[in-house]
Amino acid sequence: MQIIKSKLTIPRDVINLGDRQLTVMHMPGHSRGSICLHDKDRKILFSGDVVYDGSLIDWLPYSRISDYVGTCERLIELVDRGLVEKVLPGHFNTFGAERLFRLASNYISKAGICHKVSTFAMRSLASLALRIFQIVPEHTTVIFCFCFNITVTKHLCDND
């Protein structure tokens, strides 16, 4: 078995897989270090947690709304320039460019003051839950259910 030494990827790095090349794109918002991998030739975007067909999670302690807005603007630009036809997210089903455009546009339009206030509240609750987990790790199930309820509540608030 051959061990291949890996290296840290940085934005605009190109990962050569032989039959395809993936460009690393820094797309912060969900987390500061979030990335997408873009296959320019096949017009495929591997989006990970950056964008998926659901309510985008931006209320975690390390999330940042202003960064997410910038990322969504870049995603829209990729669609406008015809560089993405298919998105392979880290969660849920794959989708096309039109859905990517709608998800990114909707996020930007909702990123006003009410969204920021509700996100701040959810982030505070999530931080509290994570701290409790660190203190009392045997309450993993309780913490998971609490965080799941936060996600559902945030989704319902965003879709009113």
C-alpha atoms as a PDB file:
ATOM      1  CA  MET A   1       0.000   0.000   0.000  1.00  0.00           C
ATOM      2  CA  GLN A   2       1.350   3.374  -0.998  1.00  0.00           C
ATOM      3  CA  ILE A   3       0.859   6.302   1.355  1.00  0.00           C
ATOM      4  CA  ILE A   4       0.415   9.582  -0.453  1.00  0.00           C
ATOM      5  CA  LYS A   5       1.405  12.675   1.448  1.00  0.00           C
ATOM      6  CA  SER A   6      -1.416  15.196   1.391  1.00  0.00           C
ATOM      7  CA  LYS A   7      -1.136  18.942   1.491  1.00  0.00           C
ATOM      8  CA  LEU A   8      -3.355  21.717   2.678  1.00  0.00           C
ATOM      9  CA  THR A   9      -5.499  23.097  -0.110  1.00  0.00           C
ATOM     10  CA  ILE A  10      -5.903  26.807  -0.602  1.00  0.00           C
ATOM     11  CA  PRO A  11      -8.331  28.783  -2.766  1.00  0.00           C
ATOM     12  CA  ARG A  12      -7.669  28.422  -6.486  1.00  0.00           C
ATOM     13  CA  ASP A  13      -5.616  25.255  -5.977  1.00  0.00           C
ATOM     14  CA  VAL A  14      -6.347  22.690  -8.644  1.00  0.00           C
ATOM     15  CA  ILE A  15      -6.727  19.078  -7.580  1.00  0.00           C
ATOM     16  CA  ASN A  16      -5.775  16.827 -10.485  1.00  0.00           C
ATOM     17  CA  LEU A  17      -7.664  13.526 -10.423  1.00  0.00           C
ATOM     18  CA  GLY A  18      -6.343  12.326 -13.766  1.00  0.00           C
ATOM     19  CA  ASP A  19      -9.556  12.432 -15.787  1.00  0.00           C
ATOM     20  CA  ARG A  20     -10.759  15.667 -14.197  1.00  0.00           C
ATOM     21  CA  GLN A  21      -9.523  18.710 -12.347  1.00  0.00           C
ATOM     22  CA  LEU A  22     -11.266  20.332  -9.406  1.00  0.00           C
ATOM     23  CA  THR A  23     -10.664  23.952  -8.468  1.00  0.00           C
ATOM     24  CA  VAL A  24     -10.795  24.778  -4.747  1.00  0.00           C
ATOM     25  CA  MET A  25     -13.061  27.749  -4.019  1.00  0.00           C
ATOM     26  CA  HIS A  26     -13.135  29.368  -0.568  1.00  0.00           C
ATOM     27  CA  MET A  27     -16.827  29.915   0.223  1.00  0.00           C
ATOM     28  CA  PRO A  28     -17.174  31.061   3.848  1.00  0.00           C
ATOM     29  CA  GLY A  29     -20.448  31.544   5.685  1.00  0.00           C
ATOM     30  CA  HIS A  30     -21.518  28.193   7.066  1.00  0.00           C
ATOM     31  CA  SER A  31     -18.006  28.123   8.506  1.00  0.00           C
ATOM     32  CA  ARG A  32     -14.950  30.290   7.973  1.00  0.00           C
ATOM     33  CA  GLY A  33     -13.131  27.510   6.159  1.00  0.00           C
ATOM     34  CA  SER A  34     -15.950  26.239   3.947  1.00  0.00           C
ATOM     35  CA  ILE A  35     -14.963  25.330   0.405  1.00  0.00           C
ATOM     36  CA  CYS A  36     -16.547  24.143  -2.811  1.00  0.00           C
ATOM     37  CA  LEU A  37     -14.813  22.082  -5.464  1.00  0.00           C
ATOM     38  CA  HIS A  38     -15.583  23.101  -9.037  1.00  0.00           C
ATOM     39  CA  ASP A  39     -15.210  20.853 -12.061  1.00  0.00           C
ATOM     40  CA  LYS A  40     -15.159  23.515 -14.792  1.00  0.00           C
ATOM     41  CA  ASP A  41     -15.156  21.055 -17.699  1.00  0.00           C
ATOM     42  CA  ARG A  42     -18.231  19.168 -16.493  1.00  0.00           C
ATOM     43  CA  LYS A  43     -19.832  22.270 -14.893  1.00  0.00           C
ATOM     44  CA  ILE A  44     -20.272  20.449 -11.585  1.00  0.00           C
ATOM     45  CA  LEU A  45     -20.036  22.112  -8.174  1.00  0.00           C
ATOM     46  CA  PHE A  46     -19.310  19.942  -5.129  1.00  0.00           C
ATOM     47  CA  SER A  47     -20.786  22.255  -2.517  1.00  0.00           C
ATOM     48  CA  GLY A  48     -20.405  20.360   0.769  1.00  0.00           C
ATOM     49  CA  ASP A  49     -22.158  22.338   3.526  1.00  0.00           C
ATOM     50  CA  VAL A  50     -22.012  25.634   1.623  1.00  0.00           C
ATOM     51  CA  VAL A  51     -25.300  25.178  -0.216  1.00  0.00           C
ATOM     52  CA  TYR A  52     -27.833  22.346  -0.289  1.00  0.00           C
ATOM     53  CA  ASP A  53     -31.539  22.062  -0.982  1.00  0.00           C
ATOM     54  CA  GLY A  54     -32.718  23.137   2.455  1.00  0.00           C
ATOM     55  CA  SER A  55     -32.571  25.986   4.937  1.00  0.00           C
ATOM     56  CA  LEU A  56     -28.923  27.073   5.061  1.00  0.00           C
ATOM     57  CA  ILE A  57     -27.433  26.818   8.548  1.00  0.00           C
ATOM     58  CA  ASP A  58     -25.819  30.122   9.441  1.00  0.00           C
ATOM     59  CA  TRP A  59     -26.484  30.227  13.173  1.00  0.00           C
ATOM     60  CA  LEU A  60     -23.632  28.059  14.393  1.00  0.00           C
ATOM     61  CA  PRO A  61     -21.024  29.786  16.591  1.00  0.00           C
ATOM     62  CA  TYR A  62     -18.550  29.856  13.678  1.00  0.00           C
ATOM     63  CA  SER A  63     -21.032  30.960  10.978  1.00  0.00           C
ATOM     64  CA  ARG A  64     -21.122  34.496   9.617  1.00  0.00           C
ATOM     65  CA  ILE A  65     -24.080  35.975   7.709  1.00  0.00           C
ATOM     66  CA  SER A  66     -22.064  38.653   5.891  1.00  0.00           C
ATOM     67  CA  ASP A  67     -19.664  35.995   4.581  1.00  0.00           C
ATOM     68  CA  TYR A  68     -22.594  33.801   3.522  1.00  0.00           C
ATOM     69  CA  VAL A  69     -24.105  36.700   1.560  1.00  0.00           C
ATOM     70  CA  GLY A  70     -20.795  37.167  -0.274  1.00  0.00           C
ATOM     71  CA  THR A  71     -20.631  33.449  -1.002  1.00  0.00           C
ATOM     72  CA  CYS A  72     -24.198  33.465  -2.340  1.00  0.00           C
ATOM     73  CA  GLU A  73     -23.293  36.374  -4.614  1.00  0.00           C
ATOM     74  CA  ARG A  74     -20.380  34.325  -5.976  1.00  0.00           C
ATOM     75  CA  LEU A  75     -22.657  31.304  -6.480  1.00  0.00           C
ATOM     76  CA  ILE A  76     -25.080  33.460  -8.465  1.00  0.00           C
ATOM     77  CA  GLU A  77     -22.170  34.721 -10.563  1.00  0.00           C
ATOM     78  CA  LEU A  78     -21.157  31.121 -11.357  1.00  0.00           C
ATOM     79  CA  VAL A  79     -24.694  30.437 -12.594  1.00  0.00           C
ATOM     80  CA  ASP A  80     -24.889  33.705 -14.554  1.00  0.00           C
ATOM     81  CA  ARG A  81     -21.608  32.886 -16.306  1.00  0.00           C
ATOM     82  CA  GLY A  82     -22.851  29.383 -17.189  1.00  0.00           C
ATOM     83  CA  LEU A  83     -20.125  27.689 -15.136  1.00  0.00           C
ATOM     84  CA  VAL A  84     -22.429  25.425 -13.096  1.00  0.00           C
ATOM     85  CA  GLU A  85     -25.119  23.071 -14.337  1.00  0.00           C
ATOM     86  CA  LYS A  86     -25.184  20.537 -11.493  1.00  0.00           C
ATOM     87  CA  VAL A  87     -24.635  20.860  -7.738  1.00  0.00           C
ATOM     88  CA  LEU A  88     -23.600  17.884  -5.608  1.00  0.00           C
ATOM     89  CA  PRO A  89     -24.164  18.970  -1.994  1.00  0.00           C
ATOM     90  CA  GLY A  90     -23.004  17.326   1.200  1.00  0.00           C
ATOM     91  CA  HIS A  91     -26.643  16.876   2.262  1.00  0.00           C
ATOM     92  CA  PHE A  92     -29.893  16.058   0.467  1.00  0.00           C
ATOM     93  CA  ASN A  93     -30.388  15.645  -3.285  1.00  0.00           C
ATOM     94  CA  THR A  94     -28.446  17.037  -6.205  1.00  0.00           C
ATOM     95  CA  PHE A  95     -29.933  19.985  -8.088  1.00  0.00           C
ATOM     96  CA  GLY A  96     -29.325  22.215 -11.069  1.00  0.00           C
ATOM     97  CA  ALA A  97     -28.238  25.758 -11.787  1.00  0.00           C
ATOM     98  CA  GLU A  98     -31.739  27.224 -11.581  1.00  0.00           C
ATOM     99  CA  ARG A  99     -32.246  25.860  -8.059  1.00  0.00           C
ATOM    100  CA  LEU A 100     -28.773  27.070  -7.034  1.00  0.00           C
ATOM    101  CA  PHE A 101     -29.668  30.550  -8.263  1.00  0.00           C
ATOM    102  CA  ARG A 102     -32.945  30.505  -6.272  1.00  0.00           C
ATOM    103  CA  LEU A 103     -31.351  29.206  -3.064  1.00  0.00           C
ATOM    104  CA  ALA A 104     -28.581  31.822  -3.177  1.00  0.00           C
ATOM    105  CA  SER A 105     -30.966  34.650  -4.127  1.00  0.00           C
ATOM    106  CA  ASN A 106     -33.432  33.708  -1.383  1.00  0.00           C
ATOM    107  CA  TYR A 107     -30.668  33.668   1.211  1.00  0.00           C
ATOM    108  CA  ILE A 108     -29.493  37.143   0.195  1.00  0.00           C
ATOM    109  CA  SER A 109     -33.037  38.539   0.264  1.00  0.00           C
ATOM    110  CA  LYS A 110     -33.651  37.148   3.776  1.00  0.00           C
ATOM    111  CA  ALA A 111     -30.350  38.327   5.254  1.00  0.00           C
ATOM    112  CA  GLY A 112     -31.911  41.468   6.727  1.00  0.00           C
ATOM    113  CA  ILE A 113     -32.138  42.628  10.341  1.00  0.00           C
ATOM    114  CA  CYS A 114     -34.857  40.127  11.407  1.00  0.00           C
ATOM    115  CA  HIS A 115     -32.806  37.249  10.030  1.00  0.00           C
ATOM    116  CA  LYS A 116     -29.727  38.537  11.850  1.00  0.00           C
ATOM    117  CA  VAL A 117     -31.611  38.808  15.157  1.00  0.00           C
ATOM    118  CA  SER A 118     -33.084  35.295  14.892  1.00  0.00           C
ATOM    119  CA  THR A 119     -29.703  33.938  13.810  1.00  0.00           C
ATOM    120  CA  PHE A 120     -28.032  35.589  16.798  1.00  0.00           C
ATOM    121  CA  ALA A 121     -30.588  33.960  19.118  1.00  0.00           C
ATOM    122  CA  MET A 122     -30.110  30.538  17.515  1.00  0.00           C
ATOM    123  CA  ARG A 123     -26.308  30.900  17.619  1.00  0.00           C
ATOM    124  CA  SER A 124     -26.474  31.743  21.331  1.00  0.00           C
ATOM    125  CA  LEU A 125     -28.617  28.684  22.030  1.00  0.00           C
ATOM    126  CA  ALA A 126     -26.326  26.465  19.951  1.00  0.00           C
ATOM    127  CA  SER A 127     -23.257  27.783  21.799  1.00  0.00           C
ATOM    128  CA  LEU A 128     -24.938  27.030  25.108  1.00  0.00           C
ATOM    129  CA  ALA A 129     -25.803  23.506  23.945  1.00  0.00           C
ATOM    130  CA  LEU A 130     -22.217  22.875  22.831  1.00  0.00           C
ATOM    131  CA  ARG A 131     -20.851  24.115  26.165  1.00  0.00           C
ATOM    132  CA  ILE A 132     -23.224  21.849  28.083  1.00  0.00           C
ATOM    133  CA  PHE A 133     -22.073  18.932  25.913  1.00  0.00           C
ATOM    134  CA  GLN A 134     -18.428  19.658  26.792  1.00  0.00           C
ATOM    135  CA  ILE A 135     -19.258  19.721  30.496  1.00  0.00           C
ATOM    136  CA  VAL A 136     -21.607  16.710  30.528  1.00  0.00           C
ATOM    137  CA  PRO A 137     -20.754  14.523  27.475  1.00  0.00           C
ATOM    138  CA  GLU A 138     -23.171  11.752  28.477  1.00  0.00           C
ATOM    139  CA  HIS A 139     -26.053  14.031  27.460  1.00  0.00           C
ATOM    140  CA  THR A 140     -25.225  13.650  23.746  1.00  0.00           C
ATOM    141  CA  THR A 141     -28.773  12.616  22.777  1.00  0.00           C
ATOM    142  CA  VAL A 142     -30.332  15.527  24.636  1.00  0.00           C
ATOM    143  CA  ILE A 143     -27.921  17.980  22.995  1.00  0.00           C
ATOM    144  CA  PHE A 144     -28.569  16.494  19.543  1.00  0.00           C
ATOM    145  CA  CYS A 145     -32.351  16.802  20.005  1.00  0.00           C
ATOM    146  CA  PHE A 146     -31.935  20.370  21.273  1.00  0.00           C
ATOM    147  CA  CYS A 147     -29.824  21.338  18.238  1.00  0.00           C
ATOM    148  CA  PHE A 148     -32.276  19.587  15.903  1.00  0.00           C
ATOM    149  CA  ASN A 149     -35.135  21.592  17.434  1.00  0.00           C
ATOM    150  CA  ILE A 150     -33.131  24.790  16.938  1.00  0.00           C
ATOM    151  CA  THR A 151     -32.684  23.903  13.253  1.00  0.00           C
ATOM    152  CA  VAL A 152     -36.388  23.169  12.748  1.00  0.00           C
ATOM    153  CA  THR A 153     -37.410  26.375  14.549  1.00  0.00           C
ATOM    154  CA  LYS A 154     -34.991  28.439  12.462  1.00  0.00           C
ATOM    155  CA  HIS A 155     -36.296  26.827   9.274  1.00  0.00           C
ATOM    156  CA  LEU A 156     -39.906  27.602  10.223  1.00  0.00           C
ATOM    157  CA  CYS A 157     -39.015  31.210  11.107  1.00  0.00           C
ATOM    158  CA  ASP A 158     -37.193  31.706   7.799  1.00  0.00           C
ATOM    159  CA  ASN A 159     -40.096  30.316   5.783  1.00  0.00           C
ATOM    160  CA  ASP A 160     -42.841  32.519   7.264  1.00  0.00           C
END
